Amino acid sequence: MEYSYQTKKGKLFDIIVQSPEMEIKRKLLALQASFRVFDGNYHELIQYLEYPHEKSENQEVLIDETSRLLHNFLASAGSLVEHTRVIVKKLYSDMHQFRKEYDLKKSEELVKNNVQNFIKNLRNYTLHETLPILELQNSFSENLLLNIQIDVKMVKESEHWQSWEDSQYYLNKLGDSTKLIDLVKKYYEVIIVFYTWLTERQHDDIHKADLEKLQEMKKGIM
């Protein structure tokens, strides 16, 4: 090993930085960071939709801001999925015992989930075609909360929607539109359950010894 420092603590620092335990820690932190971005975009969107707006507000501005927040939410949802796939692949080989458990859990909780599949396809539609929100779909309920609708009819008119085999049944059940806030909340509930399970398994079981060893190593440079 090549050392950046010649002092005892400096060499220990190099050992820690280049240790497999630190590499595991980096990957776990990267996954947490990706989730925080997703979580932040979710709460920002929900807070905007639940905020009591005035009827006198410019509705074009309301639609534009909702579209921006929805775009950020969908993009971060996609990033979280891809980041998780890459990190899990790097941490656990196909033969790793947890990899099998993870794949089964993902299949049961995400791959077969109608809301998750619809959001996945809605994300692709939004990023590659257009935002499915129209001014005419913006209405106010009695308490002046935004009632933004996803234009399901517009989505169905896309030349790509017929390829959404994992979403067609759910999409057909929605009619011509669906309330954005309800859809987003349902999706978040699915994701939060899955990532709570994943985080707890990683930190409390699989990598508990690695993280504890890393913490002990760090005590030597404090």
C-alpha atoms as a PDB file:
ATOM      1  CA  MET A   1       0.000   0.000   0.000  1.00  0.00           C
ATOM      2  CA  GLU A   2       1.199   3.482  -0.835  1.00  0.00           C
ATOM      3  CA  TYR A   3       0.735   5.955   1.985  1.00  0.00           C
ATOM      4  CA  SER A   4      -0.190   9.603   1.543  1.00  0.00           C
ATOM      5  CA  TYR A   5       1.072  10.361   5.044  1.00  0.00           C
ATOM      6  CA  GLN A   6       4.119   9.145   6.980  1.00  0.00           C
ATOM      7  CA  THR A   7       2.820   9.654  10.511  1.00  0.00           C
ATOM      8  CA  LYS A   8       1.217   6.752  12.368  1.00  0.00           C
ATOM      9  CA  LYS A   9      -2.218   8.372  12.327  1.00  0.00           C
ATOM     10  CA  GLY A  10      -1.749   9.395   8.714  1.00  0.00           C
ATOM     11  CA  LYS A  11      -1.006   5.836   7.658  1.00  0.00           C
ATOM     12  CA  LEU A  12      -4.000   4.597   9.622  1.00  0.00           C
ATOM     13  CA  PHE A  13      -6.112   7.183   7.819  1.00  0.00           C
ATOM     14  CA  ASP A  14      -4.919   5.794   4.466  1.00  0.00           C
ATOM     15  CA  ILE A  15      -5.719   2.262   5.603  1.00  0.00           C
ATOM     16  CA  ILE A  16      -9.239   3.328   6.581  1.00  0.00           C
ATOM     17  CA  VAL A  17      -9.873   5.220   3.342  1.00  0.00           C
ATOM     18  CA  GLN A  18      -8.756   2.254   1.221  1.00  0.00           C
ATOM     19  CA  SER A  19     -10.423  -0.427   3.335  1.00  0.00           C
ATOM     20  CA  PRO A  20     -13.267  -2.599   1.971  1.00  0.00           C
ATOM     21  CA  GLU A  21     -15.350  -1.451   4.939  1.00  0.00           C
ATOM     22  CA  MET A  22     -15.035   2.173   3.824  1.00  0.00           C
ATOM     23  CA  GLU A  23     -15.991   1.199   0.273  1.00  0.00           C
ATOM     24  CA  ILE A  24     -19.143  -0.429   1.621  1.00  0.00           C
ATOM     25  CA  LYS A  25     -19.869   2.682   3.676  1.00  0.00           C
ATOM     26  CA  ARG A  26     -19.475   4.901   0.598  1.00  0.00           C
ATOM     27  CA  LYS A  27     -21.981   2.844  -1.367  1.00  0.00           C
ATOM     28  CA  LEU A  28     -24.493   2.854   1.479  1.00  0.00           C
ATOM     29  CA  LEU A  29     -24.121   6.636   1.808  1.00  0.00           C
ATOM     30  CA  ALA A  30     -24.604   7.054  -1.950  1.00  0.00           C
ATOM     31  CA  LEU A  31     -27.845   5.089  -1.757  1.00  0.00           C
ATOM     32  CA  GLN A  32     -29.026   7.192   1.187  1.00  0.00           C
ATOM     33  CA  ALA A  33     -28.208  10.381  -0.717  1.00  0.00           C
ATOM     34  CA  SER A  34     -30.229   9.246  -3.708  1.00  0.00           C
ATOM     35  CA  PHE A  35     -33.182   8.436  -1.468  1.00  0.00           C
ATOM     36  CA  ARG A  36     -32.978  11.848   0.231  1.00  0.00           C
ATOM     37  CA  VAL A  37     -33.187  13.566  -3.162  1.00  0.00           C
ATOM     38  CA  PHE A  38     -36.283  11.530  -4.018  1.00  0.00           C
ATOM     39  CA  ASP A  39     -37.785  12.101  -0.577  1.00  0.00           C
ATOM     40  CA  GLY A  40     -37.165  15.849  -0.775  1.00  0.00           C
ATOM     41  CA  ASN A  41     -38.795  16.133  -4.200  1.00  0.00           C
ATOM     42  CA  TYR A  42     -41.795  14.146  -2.969  1.00  0.00           C
ATOM     43  CA  HIS A  43     -42.388  16.394   0.031  1.00  0.00           C
ATOM     44  CA  GLU A  44     -41.874  19.555  -2.003  1.00  0.00           C
ATOM     45  CA  LEU A  45     -44.516  18.419  -4.506  1.00  0.00           C
ATOM     46  CA  ILE A  46     -46.979  17.321  -1.823  1.00  0.00           C
ATOM     47  CA  GLN A  47     -46.562  20.531   0.190  1.00  0.00           C
ATOM     48  CA  TYR A  48     -47.287  22.593  -2.916  1.00  0.00           C
ATOM     49  CA  LEU A  49     -50.388  20.568  -3.762  1.00  0.00           C
ATOM     50  CA  GLU A  50     -51.660  20.698  -0.172  1.00  0.00           C
ATOM     51  CA  TYR A  51     -50.954  24.390   0.320  1.00  0.00           C
ATOM     52  CA  PRO A  52     -54.198  26.457   0.361  1.00  0.00           C
ATOM     53  CA  HIS A  53     -53.917  28.611  -2.770  1.00  0.00           C
ATOM     54  CA  GLU A  54     -56.149  31.549  -3.612  1.00  0.00           C
ATOM     55  CA  LYS A  55     -58.604  31.504  -6.518  1.00  0.00           C
ATOM     56  CA  SER A  56     -57.112  34.783  -7.659  1.00  0.00           C
ATOM     57  CA  GLU A  57     -53.685  33.223  -8.241  1.00  0.00           C
ATOM     58  CA  ASN A  58     -52.464  32.906 -11.813  1.00  0.00           C
ATOM     59  CA  GLN A  59     -53.496  29.398 -12.785  1.00  0.00           C
ATOM     60  CA  GLU A  60     -50.874  29.150 -15.526  1.00  0.00           C
ATOM     61  CA  VAL A  61     -48.220  29.738 -12.869  1.00  0.00           C
ATOM     62  CA  LEU A  62     -49.797  27.076 -10.663  1.00  0.00           C
ATOM     63  CA  ILE A  63     -49.767  24.574 -13.516  1.00  0.00           C
ATOM     64  CA  ASP A  64     -46.176  25.417 -14.467  1.00  0.00           C
ATOM     65  CA  GLU A  65     -44.939  25.051 -10.902  1.00  0.00           C
ATOM     66  CA  THR A  66     -46.806  21.781 -10.449  1.00  0.00           C
ATOM     67  CA  SER A  67     -45.298  20.522 -13.700  1.00  0.00           C
ATOM     68  CA  ARG A  68     -41.806  21.464 -12.549  1.00  0.00           C
ATOM     69  CA  LEU A  69     -42.224  19.726  -9.211  1.00  0.00           C
ATOM     70  CA  LEU A  70     -43.774  16.644 -10.832  1.00  0.00           C
ATOM     71  CA  HIS A  71     -40.910  16.457 -13.319  1.00  0.00           C
ATOM     72  CA  ASN A  72     -38.352  16.617 -10.484  1.00  0.00           C
ATOM     73  CA  PHE A  73     -40.216  13.978  -8.515  1.00  0.00           C
ATOM     74  CA  LEU A  74     -40.458  11.558 -11.445  1.00  0.00           C
ATOM     75  CA  ALA A  75     -36.824  12.111 -12.468  1.00  0.00           C
ATOM     76  CA  SER A  76     -35.575  11.484  -8.925  1.00  0.00           C
ATOM     77  CA  ALA A  77     -37.756   8.371  -8.697  1.00  0.00           C
ATOM     78  CA  GLY A  78     -36.030   7.071 -11.811  1.00  0.00           C
ATOM     79  CA  SER A  79     -32.599   7.964 -10.465  1.00  0.00           C
ATOM     80  CA  LEU A  80     -33.303   6.164  -7.206  1.00  0.00           C
ATOM     81  CA  VAL A  81     -34.278   3.002  -9.071  1.00  0.00           C
ATOM     82  CA  GLU A  82     -31.163   3.084 -11.267  1.00  0.00           C
ATOM     83  CA  HIS A  83     -28.783   4.017  -8.443  1.00  0.00           C
ATOM     84  CA  THR A  84     -30.149   1.192  -6.315  1.00  0.00           C
ATOM     85  CA  ARG A  85     -29.753  -1.315  -9.139  1.00  0.00           C
ATOM     86  CA  VAL A  86     -26.117  -0.298  -9.716  1.00  0.00           C
ATOM     87  CA  ILE A  87     -25.159  -0.195  -6.032  1.00  0.00           C
ATOM     88  CA  VAL A  88     -26.792  -3.532  -5.209  1.00  0.00           C
ATOM     89  CA  LYS A  89     -25.029  -5.118  -8.179  1.00  0.00           C
ATOM     90  CA  LYS A  90     -21.676  -3.797  -6.945  1.00  0.00           C
ATOM     91  CA  LEU A  91     -22.217  -4.871  -3.347  1.00  0.00           C
ATOM     92  CA  TYR A  92     -23.708  -8.321  -3.934  1.00  0.00           C
ATOM     93  CA  SER A  93     -22.825 -10.847  -6.617  1.00  0.00           C
ATOM     94  CA  ASP A  94     -25.511 -13.007  -8.207  1.00  0.00           C
ATOM     95  CA  MET A  95     -24.528 -15.801  -5.832  1.00  0.00           C
ATOM     96  CA  HIS A  96     -24.689 -13.676  -2.680  1.00  0.00           C
ATOM     97  CA  GLN A  97     -27.404 -14.886  -0.314  1.00  0.00           C
ATOM     98  CA  PHE A  98     -28.867 -11.405   0.132  1.00  0.00           C
ATOM     99  CA  ARG A  99     -29.000 -10.846  -3.635  1.00  0.00           C
ATOM    100  CA  LYS A 100     -31.552 -13.620  -3.914  1.00  0.00           C
ATOM    101  CA  GLU A 101     -33.551 -12.163  -1.033  1.00  0.00           C
ATOM    102  CA  TYR A 102     -33.362  -8.685  -2.577  1.00  0.00           C
ATOM    103  CA  ASP A 103     -34.462  -9.871  -6.029  1.00  0.00           C
ATOM    104  CA  LEU A 104     -37.436 -11.711  -4.541  1.00  0.00           C
ATOM    105  CA  LYS A 105     -38.459  -8.704  -2.434  1.00  0.00           C
ATOM    106  CA  LYS A 106     -38.117  -6.366  -5.412  1.00  0.00           C
ATOM    107  CA  SER A 107     -40.225  -8.661  -7.558  1.00  0.00           C
ATOM    108  CA  GLU A 108     -42.981  -8.942  -4.960  1.00  0.00           C
ATOM    109  CA  GLU A 109     -43.031  -5.320  -3.779  1.00  0.00           C
ATOM    110  CA  LEU A 110     -42.072  -3.343  -6.897  1.00  0.00           C
ATOM    111  CA  VAL A 111     -42.045  -5.272 -10.163  1.00  0.00           C
ATOM    112  CA  LYS A 112     -45.548  -6.641  -9.640  1.00  0.00           C
ATOM    113  CA  ASN A 113     -46.946  -3.416  -8.181  1.00  0.00           C
ATOM    114  CA  ASN A 114     -49.400  -1.606 -10.483  1.00  0.00           C
ATOM    115  CA  VAL A 115     -48.730   1.869  -9.100  1.00  0.00           C
ATOM    116  CA  GLN A 116     -44.951   1.434  -9.333  1.00  0.00           C
ATOM    117  CA  ASN A 117     -45.200   0.287 -12.929  1.00  0.00           C
ATOM    118  CA  PHE A 118     -47.494   3.133 -13.871  1.00  0.00           C
ATOM    119  CA  ILE A 119     -45.175   5.727 -12.330  1.00  0.00           C
ATOM    120  CA  LYS A 120     -42.218   4.141 -14.123  1.00  0.00           C
ATOM    121  CA  ASN A 121     -43.961   4.493 -17.472  1.00  0.00           C
ATOM    122  CA  LEU A 122     -45.326   7.931 -16.633  1.00  0.00           C
ATOM    123  CA  ARG A 123     -41.752   9.010 -15.891  1.00  0.00           C
ATOM    124  CA  ASN A 124     -40.585   7.815 -19.302  1.00  0.00           C
ATOM    125  CA  TYR A 125     -43.551   9.512 -20.954  1.00  0.00           C
ATOM    126  CA  THR A 126     -42.864  12.761 -19.098  1.00  0.00           C
ATOM    127  CA  LEU A 127     -39.126  12.784 -19.803  1.00  0.00           C
ATOM    128  CA  HIS A 128     -39.410  11.801 -23.469  1.00  0.00           C
ATOM    129  CA  GLU A 129     -42.755  13.220 -24.640  1.00  0.00           C
ATOM    130  CA  THR A 130     -44.555  15.816 -22.532  1.00  0.00           C
ATOM    131  CA  LEU A 131     -45.975  16.599 -19.113  1.00  0.00           C
ATOM    132  CA  PRO A 132     -49.538  15.188 -18.988  1.00  0.00           C
ATOM    133  CA  ILE A 133     -51.057  18.174 -17.179  1.00  0.00           C
ATOM    134  CA  LEU A 134     -53.374  20.633 -18.916  1.00  0.00           C
ATOM    135  CA  GLU A 135     -54.719  23.990 -17.753  1.00  0.00           C
ATOM    136  CA  LEU A 136     -58.301  22.769 -18.103  1.00  0.00           C
ATOM    137  CA  GLN A 137     -57.598  20.030 -15.597  1.00  0.00           C
ATOM    138  CA  ASN A 138     -56.785  22.501 -12.860  1.00  0.00           C
ATOM    139  CA  SER A 139     -59.686  23.082 -10.490  1.00  0.00           C
ATOM    140  CA  PHE A 140     -60.180  24.187  -6.910  1.00  0.00           C
ATOM    141  CA  SER A 141     -61.996  22.274  -4.253  1.00  0.00           C
ATOM    142  CA  GLU A 142     -64.022  24.095  -1.604  1.00  0.00           C
ATOM    143  CA  ASN A 143     -61.013  24.414   0.708  1.00  0.00           C
ATOM    144  CA  LEU A 144     -58.983  25.934  -2.150  1.00  0.00           C
ATOM    145  CA  LEU A 145     -56.482  23.093  -2.301  1.00  0.00           C
ATOM    146  CA  LEU A 146     -55.077  22.360  -5.737  1.00  0.00           C
ATOM    147  CA  ASN A 147     -56.851  19.517  -7.491  1.00  0.00           C
ATOM    148  CA  ILE A 148     -54.493  18.725 -10.348  1.00  0.00           C
ATOM    149  CA  GLN A 149     -55.429  15.833 -12.615  1.00  0.00           C
ATOM    150  CA  ILE A 150     -53.139  13.632 -14.670  1.00  0.00           C
ATOM    151  CA  ASP A 151     -54.562  13.459 -18.191  1.00  0.00           C
ATOM    152  CA  VAL A 152     -54.831   9.701 -18.639  1.00  0.00           C
ATOM    153  CA  LYS A 153     -56.577  10.171 -21.975  1.00  0.00           C
ATOM    154  CA  MET A 154     -53.568  12.134 -23.257  1.00  0.00           C
ATOM    155  CA  VAL A 155     -51.224   9.377 -22.114  1.00  0.00           C
ATOM    156  CA  LYS A 156     -53.288   6.760 -23.948  1.00  0.00           C
ATOM    157  CA  GLU A 157     -52.956   8.771 -27.144  1.00  0.00           C
ATOM    158  CA  SER A 158     -49.193   8.347 -27.010  1.00  0.00           C
ATOM    159  CA  GLU A 159     -47.748   6.077 -29.674  1.00  0.00           C
ATOM    160  CA  HIS A 160     -45.746   4.357 -26.937  1.00  0.00           C
ATOM    161  CA  TRP A 161     -48.401   3.587 -24.365  1.00  0.00           C
ATOM    162  CA  GLN A 162     -49.393   0.295 -25.969  1.00  0.00           C
ATOM    163  CA  SER A 163     -45.948  -1.009 -24.985  1.00  0.00           C
ATOM    164  CA  TRP A 164     -46.745  -0.390 -21.312  1.00  0.00           C
ATOM    165  CA  GLU A 165     -47.734  -4.020 -20.838  1.00  0.00           C
ATOM    166  CA  ASP A 166     -47.136  -3.872 -17.084  1.00  0.00           C
ATOM    167  CA  SER A 167     -49.378  -0.790 -16.736  1.00  0.00           C
ATOM    168  CA  GLN A 168     -52.243  -1.241 -19.183  1.00  0.00           C
ATOM    169  CA  TYR A 169     -54.646  -2.903 -16.743  1.00  0.00           C
ATOM    170  CA  TYR A 170     -54.072  -0.199 -14.134  1.00  0.00           C
ATOM    171  CA  LEU A 171     -54.180   2.561 -16.752  1.00  0.00           C
ATOM    172  CA  ASN A 172     -57.513   1.360 -18.094  1.00  0.00           C
ATOM    173  CA  LYS A 173     -58.992   1.428 -14.586  1.00  0.00           C
ATOM    174  CA  LEU A 174     -58.184   5.138 -14.202  1.00  0.00           C
ATOM    175  CA  GLY A 175     -60.696   6.429 -16.741  1.00  0.00           C
ATOM    176  CA  ASP A 176     -59.772   9.704 -18.454  1.00  0.00           C
ATOM    177  CA  SER A 177     -57.947  11.276 -15.513  1.00  0.00           C
ATOM    178  CA  THR A 178     -56.612  10.626 -12.034  1.00  0.00           C
ATOM    179  CA  LYS A 179     -55.827  12.918  -9.126  1.00  0.00           C
ATOM    180  CA  LEU A 180     -52.098  13.645  -9.025  1.00  0.00           C
ATOM    181  CA  ILE A 181     -51.748  13.907  -5.250  1.00  0.00           C
ATOM    182  CA  ASP A 182     -53.381  10.505  -4.680  1.00  0.00           C
ATOM    183  CA  LEU A 183     -51.178   8.820  -7.269  1.00  0.00           C
ATOM    184  CA  VAL A 184     -47.970  10.329  -5.878  1.00  0.00           C
ATOM    185  CA  LYS A 185     -48.848   9.390  -2.289  1.00  0.00           C
ATOM    186  CA  LYS A 186     -49.608   5.793  -3.251  1.00  0.00           C
ATOM    187  CA  TYR A 187     -46.282   5.493  -5.030  1.00  0.00           C
ATOM    188  CA  TYR A 188     -44.365   7.017  -2.126  1.00  0.00           C
ATOM    189  CA  GLU A 189     -45.932   4.518   0.280  1.00  0.00           C
ATOM    190  CA  VAL A 190     -44.701   1.642  -1.892  1.00  0.00           C
ATOM    191  CA  ILE A 191     -41.179   3.053  -2.122  1.00  0.00           C
ATOM    192  CA  ILE A 192     -40.821   3.990   1.558  1.00  0.00           C
ATOM    193  CA  VAL A 193     -41.753   0.449   2.640  1.00  0.00           C
ATOM    194  CA  PHE A 194     -39.220  -1.107   0.281  1.00  0.00           C
ATOM    195  CA  TYR A 195     -36.346   1.248   1.145  1.00  0.00           C
ATOM    196  CA  THR A 196     -37.002   1.033   4.873  1.00  0.00           C
ATOM    197  CA  TRP A 197     -36.655  -2.748   4.573  1.00  0.00           C
ATOM    198  CA  LEU A 198     -33.505  -2.441   2.436  1.00  0.00           C
ATOM    199  CA  THR A 199     -31.824   0.060   4.765  1.00  0.00           C
ATOM    200  CA  GLU A 200     -32.577  -1.946   7.874  1.00  0.00           C
ATOM    201  CA  ARG A 201     -31.282  -5.176   6.313  1.00  0.00           C
ATOM    202  CA  GLN A 202     -28.076  -3.496   5.180  1.00  0.00           C
ATOM    203  CA  HIS A 203     -27.273  -1.506   8.308  1.00  0.00           C
ATOM    204  CA  ASP A 204     -28.654  -3.763  11.033  1.00  0.00           C
ATOM    205  CA  ASP A 205     -27.745  -7.170   9.589  1.00  0.00           C
ATOM    206  CA  ILE A 206     -25.631  -7.603   6.470  1.00  0.00           C
ATOM    207  CA  HIS A 207     -23.073  -4.839   7.022  1.00  0.00           C
ATOM    208  CA  LYS A 208     -23.409  -4.351  10.754  1.00  0.00           C
ATOM    209  CA  ALA A 209     -20.002  -5.927  11.438  1.00  0.00           C
ATOM    210  CA  ASP A 210     -18.362  -3.923   8.628  1.00  0.00           C
ATOM    211  CA  LEU A 211     -19.715  -0.633   9.944  1.00  0.00           C
ATOM    212  CA  GLU A 212     -18.739  -1.470  13.520  1.00  0.00           C
ATOM    213  CA  LYS A 213     -15.211  -2.403  12.414  1.00  0.00           C
ATOM    214  CA  LEU A 214     -14.917   0.859  10.484  1.00  0.00           C
ATOM    215  CA  GLN A 215     -16.011   2.808  13.550  1.00  0.00           C
ATOM    216  CA  GLU A 216     -13.378   1.064  15.667  1.00  0.00           C
ATOM    217  CA  MET A 217     -10.693   1.841  13.099  1.00  0.00           C
ATOM    218  CA  LYS A 218     -11.652   5.508  13.125  1.00  0.00           C
ATOM    219  CA  LYS A 219     -11.099   5.685  16.884  1.00  0.00           C
ATOM    220  CA  GLY A 220      -7.381   5.280  16.229  1.00  0.00           C
ATOM    221  CA  ILE A 221      -7.141   8.666  14.487  1.00  0.00           C
ATOM    222  CA  MET A 222      -9.350  10.610  16.872  1.00  0.00           C
END
